[in-house]
PDB file of all heavy atoms in Angstrom:
ATOM      1  N   VAL A   1      77.029 -21.747  60.311  1.00  0.00           N
ATOM      2  CA  VAL A   1      77.818 -22.209  59.214  1.00  0.00           C
ATOM      3  C   VAL A   1      79.204 -22.800  59.703  1.00  0.00           C
ATOM      4  O   VAL A   1      79.510 -24.006  59.260  1.00  0.00           O
ATOM      5  CB  VAL A   1      78.126 -20.992  58.225  1.00  0.00           C
ATOM      6  CG1 VAL A   1      78.932 -21.492  57.073  1.00  0.00           C
ATOM      7  CG2 VAL A   1      76.811 -20.461  57.607  1.00  0.00           C
ATOM      8  N   LEU A   2      79.860 -22.038  60.533  1.00  0.00           N
ATOM      9  CA  LEU A   2      81.169 -22.496  60.927  1.00  0.00           C
ATOM     10  C   LEU A   2      81.185 -23.819  61.674  1.00  0.00           C
ATOM     11  O   LEU A   2      82.198 -24.612  61.675  1.00  0.00           O
ATOM     12  CB  LEU A   2      81.871 -21.391  61.766  1.00  0.00           C
ATOM     13  CG  LEU A   2      81.996 -20.060  61.153  1.00  0.00           C
ATOM     14  CD1 LEU A   2      82.665 -19.065  62.048  1.00  0.00           C
ATOM     15  CD2 LEU A   2      82.809 -20.172  59.829  1.00  0.00           C
ATOM     16  N   SER A   3      80.065 -24.127  62.328  1.00  0.00           N
ATOM     17  CA  SER A   3      79.995 -25.337  63.070  1.00  0.00           C
ATOM     18  C   SER A   3      79.983 -26.589  62.224  1.00  0.00           C
ATOM     19  O   SER A   3      80.137 -27.690  62.619  1.00  0.00           O
ATOM     20  CB  SER A   3      78.747 -25.339  64.012  1.00  0.00           C
ATOM     21  OG  SER A   3      77.594 -25.291  63.245  1.00  0.00           O
ATOM     22  N   ARG A   4      79.823 -26.369  60.903  1.00  0.00           N
ATOM     23  CA  ARG A   4      79.693 -27.461  59.929  1.00  0.00           C
ATOM     24  C   ARG A   4      81.043 -27.694  59.249  1.00  0.00           C
ATOM     25  O   ARG A   4      81.149 -28.503  58.379  1.00  0.00           O
ATOM     26  CB  ARG A   4      78.542 -27.210  58.910  1.00  0.00           C
ATOM     27  CG  ARG A   4      77.221 -27.049  59.526  1.00  0.00           C
ATOM     28  CD  ARG A   4      76.094 -26.948  58.503  1.00  0.00           C
ATOM     29  NE  ARG A   4      75.906 -28.189  57.833  1.00  0.00           N
ATOM     30  CZ  ARG A   4      74.973 -28.356  56.901  1.00  0.00           C
ATOM     31  NH1 ARG A   4      74.132 -27.417  56.603  1.00  0.00           N
ATOM     32  NH2 ARG A   4      74.871 -29.518  56.270  1.00  0.00           N
ATOM     33  N   VAL A   5      81.942 -26.873  59.501  1.00  0.00           N
ATOM     34  CA  VAL A   5      83.321 -26.969  58.870  1.00  0.00           C
ATOM     35  C   VAL A   5      84.169 -28.011  59.731  1.00  0.00           C
ATOM     36  O   VAL A   5      84.236 -27.776  60.917  1.00  0.00           O
ATOM     37  CB  VAL A   5      84.044 -25.613  58.795  1.00  0.00           C
ATOM     38  CG1 VAL A   5      85.389 -25.739  58.065  1.00  0.00           C
ATOM     39  CG2 VAL A   5      83.092 -24.722  57.912  1.00  0.00           C
ATOM     40  N   ASN A   6      84.771 -28.910  58.943  1.00  0.00           N
ATOM     41  CA  ASN A   6      85.734 -29.823  59.657  1.00  0.00           C
ATOM     42  C   ASN A   6      86.911 -30.133  58.835  1.00  0.00           C
ATOM     43  O   ASN A   6      87.127 -29.526  57.776  1.00  0.00           O
ATOM     44  CB  ASN A   6      84.935 -31.118  60.009  1.00  0.00           C
ATOM     45  CG  ASN A   6      84.252 -31.695  58.740  1.00  0.00           C
ATOM     46  OD1 ASN A   6      84.854 -31.851  57.728  1.00  0.00           O
ATOM     47  ND2 ASN A   6      82.964 -31.955  58.855  1.00  0.00           N
ATOM     48  N   ASP A   7      87.728 -31.046  59.279  1.00  0.00           N
ATOM     49  CA  ASP A   7      89.002 -31.372  58.528  1.00  0.00           C
ATOM     50  C   ASP A   7      88.669 -31.829  57.068  1.00  0.00           C
ATOM     51  O   ASP A   7      89.474 -31.679  56.201  1.00  0.00           O
ATOM     52  CB  ASP A   7      89.774 -32.393  59.282  1.00  0.00           C
ATOM     53  CG  ASP A   7      90.438 -31.854  60.508  1.00  0.00           C
ATOM     54  OD1 ASP A   7      90.439 -30.562  60.669  1.00  0.00           O
ATOM     55  OD2 ASP A   7      90.909 -32.658  61.340  1.00  0.00           O
ATOM     56  N   GLY A   8      87.576 -32.526  57.007  1.00  0.00           N
ATOM     57  CA  GLY A   8      87.176 -33.148  55.635  1.00  0.00           C
ATOM     58  C   GLY A   8      86.793 -32.143  54.604  1.00  0.00           C
ATOM     59  O   GLY A   8      86.907 -32.436  53.456  1.00  0.00           O
ATOM     60  N   ASN A   9      86.187 -30.970  55.039  1.00  0.00           N
ATOM     61  CA  ASN A   9      85.723 -29.972  54.011  1.00  0.00           C
ATOM     62  C   ASN A   9      86.388 -28.627  54.196  1.00  0.00           C
ATOM     63  O   ASN A   9      85.950 -27.699  53.612  1.00  0.00           O
ATOM     64  CB  ASN A   9      84.178 -29.895  54.168  1.00  0.00           C
ATOM     65  CG  ASN A   9      83.747 -29.316  55.522  1.00  0.00           C
ATOM     66  OD1 ASN A   9      84.420 -28.740  56.308  1.00  0.00           O
ATOM     67  ND2 ASN A   9      82.469 -29.599  55.813  1.00  0.00           N
ATOM     68  N   ARG A  10      87.377 -28.507  55.066  1.00  0.00           N
ATOM     69  CA  ARG A  10      88.073 -27.229  55.336  1.00  0.00           C
ATOM     70  C   ARG A  10      88.576 -26.490  54.023  1.00  0.00           C
ATOM     71  O   ARG A  10      88.393 -25.383  53.887  1.00  0.00           O
ATOM     72  CB  ARG A  10      89.168 -27.387  56.344  1.00  0.00           C
ATOM     73  CG  ARG A  10      89.621 -26.121  56.946  1.00  0.00           C
ATOM     74  CD  ARG A  10      90.729 -26.284  57.976  1.00  0.00           C
ATOM     75  NE  ARG A  10      90.457 -27.312  58.951  1.00  0.00           N
ATOM     76  CZ  ARG A  10      89.694 -27.041  60.059  1.00  0.00           C
ATOM     77  NH1 ARG A  10      89.172 -25.837  60.162  1.00  0.00           N
ATOM     78  NH2 ARG A  10      89.436 -28.017  60.891  1.00  0.00           N
ATOM     79  N   TYR A  11      89.325 -27.354  53.233  1.00  0.00           N
ATOM     80  CA  TYR A  11      89.828 -26.821  52.045  1.00  0.00           C
ATOM     81  C   TYR A  11      88.718 -26.245  51.108  1.00  0.00           C
ATOM     82  O   TYR A  11      88.803 -25.159  50.559  1.00  0.00           O
ATOM     83  CB  TYR A  11      90.727 -27.788  51.279  1.00  0.00           C
ATOM     84  CG  TYR A  11      91.131 -27.334  49.962  1.00  0.00           C
ATOM     85  CD1 TYR A  11      92.213 -26.434  49.822  1.00  0.00           C
ATOM     86  CD2 TYR A  11      90.412 -27.721  48.836  1.00  0.00           C
ATOM     87  CE1 TYR A  11      92.602 -26.029  48.564  1.00  0.00           C
ATOM     88  CE2 TYR A  11      90.876 -27.289  47.523  1.00  0.00           C
ATOM     89  CZ  TYR A  11      91.979 -26.361  47.443  1.00  0.00           C
ATOM     90  OH  TYR A  11      92.320 -25.929  46.215  1.00  0.00           O
ATOM     91  N   GLN A  12      87.711 -27.094  50.895  1.00  0.00           N
ATOM     92  CA  GLN A  12      86.594 -26.666  50.018  1.00  0.00           C
ATOM     93  C   GLN A  12      85.937 -25.415  50.514  1.00  0.00           C
ATOM     94  O   GLN A  12      85.520 -24.579  49.800  1.00  0.00           O
ATOM     95  CB  GLN A  12      85.616 -27.801  49.815  1.00  0.00           C
ATOM     96  CG  GLN A  12      86.065 -28.912  48.959  1.00  0.00           C
ATOM     97  CD  GLN A  12      86.981 -29.899  49.693  1.00  0.00           C
ATOM     98  OE1 GLN A  12      87.126 -29.797  50.964  1.00  0.00           O
ATOM     99  NE2 GLN A  12      87.596 -30.834  49.011  1.00  0.00           N
ATOM    100  N   PHE A  13      85.779 -25.403  51.886  1.00  0.00           N
ATOM    101  CA  PHE A  13      85.101 -24.197  52.473  1.00  0.00           C
ATOM    102  C   PHE A  13      85.970 -22.944  52.275  1.00  0.00           C
ATOM    103  O   PHE A  13      85.377 -21.900  51.876  1.00  0.00           O
ATOM    104  CB  PHE A  13      84.847 -24.499  53.953  1.00  0.00           C
ATOM    105  CG  PHE A  13      84.222 -23.308  54.689  1.00  0.00           C
ATOM    106  CD1 PHE A  13      82.951 -22.968  54.479  1.00  0.00           C
ATOM    107  CD2 PHE A  13      84.947 -22.562  55.576  1.00  0.00           C
ATOM    108  CE1 PHE A  13      82.327 -21.853  55.120  1.00  0.00           C
ATOM    109  CE2 PHE A  13      84.447 -21.482  56.251  1.00  0.00           C
ATOM    110  CZ  PHE A  13      83.142 -21.125  55.987  1.00  0.00           C
ATOM    111  N   ASP A  14      87.167 -23.061  52.523  1.00  0.00           N
ATOM    112  CA  ASP A  14      88.066 -21.871  52.356  1.00  0.00           C
ATOM    113  C   ASP A  14      88.115 -21.361  50.911  1.00  0.00           C
ATOM    114  O   ASP A  14      88.001 -20.142  50.663  1.00  0.00           O
ATOM    115  CB  ASP A  14      89.512 -22.287  52.761  1.00  0.00           C
ATOM    116  CG  ASP A  14      90.433 -21.078  52.756  1.00  0.00           C
ATOM    117  OD1 ASP A  14      90.267 -20.187  53.574  1.00  0.00           O
ATOM    118  OD2 ASP A  14      91.382 -21.047  51.896  1.00  0.00           O
ATOM    119  N   GLN A  15      88.116 -22.285  49.987  1.00  0.00           N
ATOM    120  CA  GLN A  15      88.124 -21.898  48.567  1.00  0.00           C
ATOM    121  C   GLN A  15      86.735 -21.280  48.156  1.00  0.00           C
ATOM    122  O   GLN A  15      86.753 -20.293  47.472  1.00  0.00           O
ATOM    123  CB  GLN A  15      88.420 -23.150  47.694  1.00  0.00           C
ATOM    124  CG  GLN A  15      89.833 -23.632  47.796  1.00  0.00           C
ATOM    125  CD  GLN A  15      90.843 -22.709  47.142  1.00  0.00           C
ATOM    126  OE1 GLN A  15      90.827 -22.414  45.984  1.00  0.00           O
ATOM    127  NE2 GLN A  15      91.792 -22.224  47.950  1.00  0.00           N
ATOM    128  N   ALA A  16      85.703 -21.935  48.672  1.00  0.00           N
ATOM    129  CA  ALA A  16      84.337 -21.429  48.378  1.00  0.00           C
ATOM    130  C   ALA A  16      84.148 -20.047  48.924  1.00  0.00           C
ATOM    131  O   ALA A  16      83.488 -19.125  48.273  1.00  0.00           O
ATOM    132  CB  ALA A  16      83.270 -22.353  48.914  1.00  0.00           C
ATOM    133  N   CYS A  17      84.650 -19.740  50.131  1.00  0.00           N
ATOM    134  CA  CYS A  17      84.547 -18.494  50.727  1.00  0.00           C
ATOM    135  C   CYS A  17      85.197 -17.361  49.879  1.00  0.00           C
ATOM    136  O   CYS A  17      84.671 -16.282  49.699  1.00  0.00           O
ATOM    137  CB  CYS A  17      85.233 -18.497  52.054  1.00  0.00           C
ATOM    138  SG  CYS A  17      84.240 -19.326  53.380  1.00  0.00           S
ATOM    139  N   ARG A  18      86.398 -17.634  49.340  1.00  0.00           N
ATOM    140  CA  ARG A  18      87.104 -16.708  48.582  1.00  0.00           C
ATOM    141  C   ARG A  18      86.330 -16.391  47.252  1.00  0.00           C
ATOM    142  O   ARG A  18      86.148 -15.147  46.942  1.00  0.00           O
ATOM    143  CB  ARG A  18      88.515 -17.255  48.188  1.00  0.00           C
ATOM    144  CG  ARG A  18      89.458 -17.538  49.340  1.00  0.00           C
ATOM    145  CD  ARG A  18      90.508 -18.564  48.965  1.00  0.00           C
ATOM    146  NE  ARG A  18      91.376 -18.919  50.024  1.00  0.00           N
ATOM    147  CZ  ARG A  18      92.659 -18.490  50.151  1.00  0.00           C
ATOM    148  NH1 ARG A  18      93.201 -17.703  49.196  1.00  0.00           N
ATOM    149  NH2 ARG A  18      93.405 -18.853  51.205  1.00  0.00           N
ATOM    150  N   VAL A  19      85.922 -17.397  46.628  1.00  0.00           N
ATOM    151  CA  VAL A  19      85.199 -17.228  45.380  1.00  0.00           C
ATOM    152  C   VAL A  19      83.917 -16.483  45.561  1.00  0.00           C
ATOM    153  O   VAL A  19      83.609 -15.499  44.850  1.00  0.00           O
ATOM    154  CB  VAL A  19      85.023 -18.608  44.610  1.00  0.00           C
ATOM    155  CG1 VAL A  19      84.120 -18.384  43.414  1.00  0.00           C
ATOM    156  CG2 VAL A  19      86.239 -19.163  44.257  1.00  0.00           C
ATOM    157  N   LYS A  20      83.102 -16.804  46.585  1.00  0.00           N
ATOM    158  CA  LYS A  20      81.837 -16.196  46.783  1.00  0.00           C
ATOM    159  C   LYS A  20      82.040 -14.795  47.213  1.00  0.00           C
ATOM    160  O   LYS A  20      81.188 -13.878  46.815  1.00  0.00           O
ATOM    161  CB  LYS A  20      81.019 -16.999  47.810  1.00  0.00           C
ATOM    162  CG  LYS A  20      79.673 -16.311  48.125  1.00  0.00           C
ATOM    163  CD  LYS A  20      78.656 -17.265  48.799  1.00  0.00           C
ATOM    164  CE  LYS A  20      78.014 -18.194  47.777  1.00  0.00           C
ATOM    165  NZ  LYS A  20      76.905 -18.939  48.387  1.00  0.00           N
ATOM    166  N   ALA A  21      82.979 -14.499  48.009  1.00  0.00           N
ATOM    167  CA  ALA A  21      83.274 -13.137  48.493  1.00  0.00           C
ATOM    168  C   ALA A  21      83.546 -12.214  47.297  1.00  0.00           C
ATOM    169  O   ALA A  21      82.972 -11.151  47.191  1.00  0.00           O
ATOM    170  CB  ALA A  21      84.361 -13.099  49.512  1.00  0.00           C
ATOM    171  N   VAL A  22      84.374 -12.677  46.386  1.00  0.00           N
ATOM    172  CA  VAL A  22      84.780 -11.869  45.199  1.00  0.00           C
ATOM    173  C   VAL A  22      83.451 -11.673  44.300  1.00  0.00           C
ATOM    174  O   VAL A  22      83.248 -10.584  43.861  1.00  0.00           O
ATOM    175  CB  VAL A  22      85.887 -12.541  44.496  1.00  0.00           C
ATOM    176  CG1 VAL A  22      86.147 -11.862  43.112  1.00  0.00           C
ATOM    177  CG2 VAL A  22      87.218 -12.496  45.320  1.00  0.00           C
ATOM    178  N   ALA A  23      82.782 -12.796  44.032  1.00  0.00           N
ATOM    179  CA  ALA A  23      81.660 -12.734  43.187  1.00  0.00           C
ATOM    180  C   ALA A  23      80.607 -11.729  43.726  1.00  0.00           C
ATOM    181  O   ALA A  23      79.925 -11.025  43.053  1.00  0.00           O
ATOM    182  CB  ALA A  23      81.064 -14.091  42.976  1.00  0.00           C
ATOM    183  N   THR A  24      80.333 -11.849  45.031  1.00  0.00           N
ATOM    184  CA  THR A  24      79.333 -11.043  45.704  1.00  0.00           C
ATOM    185  C   THR A  24      79.751  -9.585  45.725  1.00  0.00           C
ATOM    186  O   THR A  24      78.911  -8.725  45.458  1.00  0.00           O
ATOM    187  CB  THR A  24      79.013 -11.538  47.099  1.00  0.00           C
ATOM    188  OG1 THR A  24      78.735 -12.975  47.080  1.00  0.00           O
ATOM    189  CG2 THR A  24      77.806 -10.801  47.680  1.00  0.00           C
ATOM    190  N   ALA A  25      81.004  -9.362  45.987  1.00  0.00           N
ATOM    191  CA  ALA A  25      81.450  -7.967  45.979  1.00  0.00           C
ATOM    192  C   ALA A  25      81.357  -7.329  44.588  1.00  0.00           C
ATOM    193  O   ALA A  25      80.929  -6.123  44.511  1.00  0.00           O
ATOM    194  CB  ALA A  25      82.897  -7.929  46.470  1.00  0.00           C
ATOM    195  N   ALA A  26      81.679  -8.100  43.592  1.00  0.00           N
ATOM    196  CA  ALA A  26      81.482  -7.581  42.237  1.00  0.00           C
ATOM    197  C   ALA A  26      80.032  -7.318  41.912  1.00  0.00           C
ATOM    198  O   ALA A  26      79.687  -6.234  41.307  1.00  0.00           O
ATOM    199  CB  ALA A  26      82.112  -8.558  41.234  1.00  0.00           C
ATOM    200  N   ARG A  27      79.204  -8.281  42.281  1.00  0.00           N
ATOM    201  CA  ARG A  27      77.785  -8.121  42.019  1.00  0.00           C
ATOM    202  C   ARG A  27      77.200  -6.808  42.656  1.00  0.00           C
ATOM    203  O   ARG A  27      76.316  -6.182  42.121  1.00  0.00           O
ATOM    204  CB  ARG A  27      76.978  -9.309  42.473  1.00  0.00           C
ATOM    205  CG  ARG A  27      75.470  -9.294  42.275  1.00  0.00           C
ATOM    206  CD  ARG A  27      74.771 -10.519  42.578  1.00  0.00           C
ATOM    207  NE  ARG A  27      75.032 -10.969  44.006  1.00  0.00           N
ATOM    208  CZ  ARG A  27      74.415 -10.564  45.069  1.00  0.00           C
ATOM    209  NH1 ARG A  27      73.478  -9.564  44.937  1.00  0.00           N
ATOM    210  NH2 ARG A  27      74.665 -11.055  46.251  1.00  0.00           N
ATOM    211  N   LEU A  28      77.702  -6.465  43.920  1.00  0.00           N
ATOM    212  CA  LEU A  28      77.171  -5.355  44.664  1.00  0.00           C
ATOM    213  C   LEU A  28      77.807  -4.019  44.154  1.00  0.00           C
ATOM    214  O   LEU A  28      77.460  -2.960  44.653  1.00  0.00           O
ATOM    215  CB  LEU A  28      77.470  -5.583  46.130  1.00  0.00           C
ATOM    216  CG  LEU A  28      76.701  -6.730  46.841  1.00  0.00           C
ATOM    217  CD1 LEU A  28      77.174  -6.956  48.191  1.00  0.00           C
ATOM    218  CD2 LEU A  28      75.223  -6.446  46.762  1.00  0.00           C
ATOM    219  N   GLY A  29      78.794  -4.133  43.264  1.00  0.00           N
ATOM    220  CA  GLY A  29      79.409  -2.964  42.742  1.00  0.00           C
ATOM    221  C   GLY A  29      80.406  -2.372  43.703  1.00  0.00           C
ATOM    222  O   GLY A  29      80.593  -1.152  43.631  1.00  0.00           O
ATOM    223  N   MET A  30      81.068  -3.199  44.471  1.00  0.00           N
ATOM    224  CA  MET A  30      82.030  -2.741  45.429  1.00  0.00           C
ATOM    225  C   MET A  30      83.237  -2.161  44.705  1.00  0.00           C
ATOM    226  O   MET A  30      83.735  -2.779  43.809  1.00  0.00           O
ATOM    227  CB  MET A  30      82.451  -3.865  46.366  1.00  0.00           C
ATOM    228  CG  MET A  30      83.358  -3.421  47.500  1.00  0.00           C
ATOM    229  SD  MET A  30      83.970  -4.856  48.467  1.00  0.00           S
ATOM    230  CE  MET A  30      82.370  -5.551  49.199  1.00  0.00           C
ATOM    231  N   THR A  31      83.625  -0.865  45.103  1.00  0.00           N
ATOM    232  CA  THR A  31      84.751  -0.205  44.533  1.00  0.00           C
ATOM    233  C   THR A  31      85.916  -0.102  45.622  1.00  0.00           C
ATOM    234  O   THR A  31      87.007   0.361  45.239  1.00  0.00           O
ATOM    235  CB  THR A  31      84.450   1.101  44.003  1.00  0.00           C
ATOM    236  OG1 THR A  31      83.819   1.932  45.049  1.00  0.00           O
ATOM    237  CG2 THR A  31      83.415   0.951  42.837  1.00  0.00           C
ATOM    238  N   SER A  32      85.617  -0.383  46.796  1.00  0.00           N
ATOM    239  CA  SER A  32      86.620  -0.343  47.902  1.00  0.00           C
ATOM    240  C   SER A  32      87.462  -1.623  47.879  1.00  0.00           C
ATOM    241  O   SER A  32      87.259  -2.507  47.089  1.00  0.00           O
ATOM    242  CB  SER A  32      85.944  -0.133  49.225  1.00  0.00           C
ATOM    243  OG  SER A  32      85.309  -1.360  49.602  1.00  0.00           O
ATOM    244  N   TYR A  33      88.417  -1.661  48.827  1.00  0.00           N
ATOM    245  CA  TYR A  33      89.076  -2.940  49.111  1.00  0.00           C
ATOM    246  C   TYR A  33      88.079  -4.001  49.665  1.00  0.00           C
ATOM    247  O   TYR A  33      87.076  -3.640  50.265  1.00  0.00           O
ATOM    248  CB  TYR A  33      90.209  -2.812  50.112  1.00  0.00           C
ATOM    249  CG  TYR A  33      91.405  -2.143  49.500  1.00  0.00           C
ATOM    250  CD1 TYR A  33      91.622  -0.770  49.726  1.00  0.00           C
ATOM    251  CD2 TYR A  33      92.366  -2.844  48.871  1.00  0.00           C
ATOM    252  CE1 TYR A  33      92.831  -0.116  49.224  1.00  0.00           C
ATOM    253  CE2 TYR A  33      93.483  -2.278  48.316  1.00  0.00           C
ATOM    254  CZ  TYR A  33      93.703  -0.944  48.502  1.00  0.00           C
ATOM    255  OH  TYR A  33      94.816  -0.253  48.043  1.00  0.00           O
ATOM    256  N   LEU A  34      88.279  -5.238  49.326  1.00  0.00           N
ATOM    257  CA  LEU A  34      87.500  -6.312  49.919  1.00  0.00           C
ATOM    258  C   LEU A  34      88.386  -7.162  50.909  1.00  0.00           C
ATOM    259  O   LEU A  34      89.489  -7.634  50.498  1.00  0.00           O
ATOM    260  CB  LEU A  34      86.971  -7.276  48.761  1.00  0.00           C
ATOM    261  CG  LEU A  34      86.435  -8.612  49.169  1.00  0.00           C
ATOM    262  CD1 LEU A  34      85.172  -8.520  49.986  1.00  0.00           C
ATOM    263  CD2 LEU A  34      86.185  -9.480  47.982  1.00  0.00           C
ATOM    264  N   SER A  35      88.005  -7.249  52.079  1.00  0.00           N
ATOM    265  CA  SER A  35      88.730  -7.997  53.078  1.00  0.00           C
ATOM    266  C   SER A  35      88.187  -9.397  53.341  1.00  0.00           C
ATOM    267  O   SER A  35      87.048  -9.511  53.688  1.00  0.00           O
ATOM    268  CB  SER A  35      88.770  -7.249  54.442  1.00  0.00           C
ATOM    269  OG  SER A  35      89.778  -7.706  55.290  1.00  0.00           O
ATOM    270  N   ILE A  36      89.027 -10.446  53.148  1.00  0.00           N
ATOM    271  CA  ILE A  36      88.520 -11.810  53.248  1.00  0.00           C
ATOM    272  C   ILE A  36      89.388 -12.568  54.290  1.00  0.00           C
ATOM    273  O   ILE A  36      90.671 -12.424  54.306  1.00  0.00           O
ATOM    274  CB  ILE A  36      88.753 -12.547  51.886  1.00  0.00           C
ATOM    275  CG1 ILE A  36      87.953 -11.808  50.804  1.00  0.00           C
ATOM    276  CG2 ILE A  36      88.236 -14.012  51.997  1.00  0.00           C
ATOM    277  CD1 ILE A  36      88.281 -12.390  49.362  1.00  0.00           C
ATOM    278  N   ASN A  37      88.761 -13.209  55.192  1.00  0.00           N
ATOM    279  CA  ASN A  37      89.458 -14.064  56.179  1.00  0.00           C
ATOM    280  C   ASN A  37      89.802 -15.352  55.537  1.00  0.00           C
ATOM    281  O   ASN A  37      89.083 -15.992  54.780  1.00  0.00           O
ATOM    282  CB  ASN A  37      88.660 -14.239  57.443  1.00  0.00           C
ATOM    283  CG  ASN A  37      88.247 -12.978  58.093  1.00  0.00           C
ATOM    284  OD1 ASN A  37      89.026 -12.510  58.919  1.00  0.00           O
ATOM    285  ND2 ASN A  37      87.224 -12.257  57.696  1.00  0.00           N
ATOM    286  N   PHE A  38      91.005 -15.848  55.824  1.00  0.00           N
ATOM    287  CA  PHE A  38      91.393 -17.190  55.331  1.00  0.00           C
ATOM    288  C   PHE A  38      91.910 -18.076  56.420  1.00  0.00           C
ATOM    289  O   PHE A  38      92.224 -17.639  57.547  1.00  0.00           O
ATOM    290  CB  PHE A  38      92.413 -17.060  54.202  1.00  0.00           C
ATOM    291  CG  PHE A  38      93.812 -16.772  54.686  1.00  0.00           C
ATOM    292  CD1 PHE A  38      94.724 -17.720  54.822  1.00  0.00           C
ATOM    293  CD2 PHE A  38      94.299 -15.441  54.998  1.00  0.00           C
ATOM    294  CE1 PHE A  38      96.018 -17.518  55.326  1.00  0.00           C
ATOM    295  CE2 PHE A  38      95.525 -15.223  55.438  1.00  0.00           C
ATOM    296  CZ  PHE A  38      96.418 -16.183  55.547  1.00  0.00           C
ATOM    297  N   LEU A  39      91.884 -19.407  56.130  1.00  0.00           N
ATOM    298  CA  LEU A  39      92.351 -20.452  57.101  1.00  0.00           C
ATOM    299  C   LEU A  39      93.662 -20.946  56.664  1.00  0.00           C
ATOM    300  O   LEU A  39      93.836 -21.677  55.696  1.00  0.00           O
ATOM    301  CB  LEU A  39      91.286 -21.522  57.099  1.00  0.00           C
ATOM    302  CG  LEU A  39      89.813 -21.173  57.306  1.00  0.00           C
ATOM    303  CD1 LEU A  39      88.877 -22.382  57.173  1.00  0.00           C
ATOM    304  CD2 LEU A  39      89.651 -20.447  58.657  1.00  0.00           C
ATOM    305  N   PRO A  40      94.726 -20.643  57.427  1.00  0.00           N
ATOM    306  CA  PRO A  40      96.066 -21.045  57.031  1.00  0.00           C
ATOM    307  C   PRO A  40      96.242 -22.586  56.860  1.00  0.00           C
ATOM    308  O   PRO A  40      96.922 -23.026  55.972  1.00  0.00           O
ATOM    309  CB  PRO A  40      96.914 -20.574  58.218  1.00  0.00           C
ATOM    310  CG  PRO A  40      96.172 -19.440  58.862  1.00  0.00           C
ATOM    311  CD  PRO A  40      94.691 -19.768  58.650  1.00  0.00           C
ATOM    312  N   ASN A  41      95.513 -23.341  57.656  1.00  0.00           N
ATOM    313  CA  ASN A  41      95.700 -24.801  57.562  1.00  0.00           C
ATOM    314  C   ASN A  41      94.880 -25.386  56.362  1.00  0.00           C
ATOM    315  O   ASN A  41      94.944 -26.549  56.109  1.00  0.00           O
ATOM    316  CB  ASN A  41      95.211 -25.489  58.847  1.00  0.00           C
ATOM    317  CG  ASN A  41      96.256 -25.486  59.920  1.00  0.00           C
ATOM    318  OD1 ASN A  41      97.315 -24.821  59.807  1.00  0.00           O
ATOM    319  ND2 ASN A  41      96.075 -26.240  60.961  1.00  0.00           N
ATOM    320  N   ALA A  42      94.139 -24.542  55.658  1.00  0.00           N
ATOM    321  CA  ALA A  42      93.490 -24.909  54.484  1.00  0.00           C
ATOM    322  C   ALA A  42      94.304 -24.587  53.196  1.00  0.00           C
ATOM    323  O   ALA A  42      93.853 -24.942  52.144  1.00  0.00           O
ATOM    324  CB  ALA A  42      92.148 -24.245  54.351  1.00  0.00           C
ATOM    325  N   VAL A  43      95.475 -24.034  53.460  1.00  0.00           N
ATOM    326  CA  VAL A  43      96.334 -23.628  52.265  1.00  0.00           C
ATOM    327  C   VAL A  43      97.541 -24.629  52.259  1.00  0.00           C
ATOM    328  O   VAL A  43      98.286 -24.725  53.206  1.00  0.00           O
ATOM    329  CB  VAL A  43      96.877 -22.231  52.450  1.00  0.00           C
ATOM    330  CG1 VAL A  43      97.823 -21.910  51.321  1.00  0.00           C
ATOM    331  CG2 VAL A  43      95.677 -21.244  52.434  1.00  0.00           C
ATOM    332  N   TYR A  44      97.584 -25.449  51.208  1.00  0.00           N
ATOM    333  CA  TYR A  44      98.605 -26.468  51.066  1.00  0.00           C
ATOM    334  C   TYR A  44      99.844 -25.783  50.470  1.00  0.00           C
ATOM    335  O   TYR A  44     100.988 -25.857  51.051  1.00  0.00           O
ATOM    336  CB  TYR A  44      98.086 -27.613  50.249  1.00  0.00           C
ATOM    337  CG  TYR A  44      96.955 -28.376  50.806  1.00  0.00           C
ATOM    338  CD1 TYR A  44      95.621 -27.891  50.757  1.00  0.00           C
ATOM    339  CD2 TYR A  44      97.160 -29.494  51.623  1.00  0.00           C
ATOM    340  CE1 TYR A  44      94.629 -28.555  51.317  1.00  0.00           C
ATOM    341  CE2 TYR A  44      96.128 -30.166  52.172  1.00  0.00           C
ATOM    342  CZ  TYR A  44      94.847 -29.694  52.086  1.00  0.00           C
ATOM    343  OH  TYR A  44      93.753 -30.352  52.617  1.00  0.00           O
TER     344      TYR A  44
END
């Protein structure tokens, strides 16, 4: 997956990662903390 990330889609990828991580954690019934990695250069 990571090999397909580049400057043109970095922002979309970072945003999609956050949303999917939260959605999947909720679907799985996670009650603990959720730790998400983020890309600083994708944050404007």
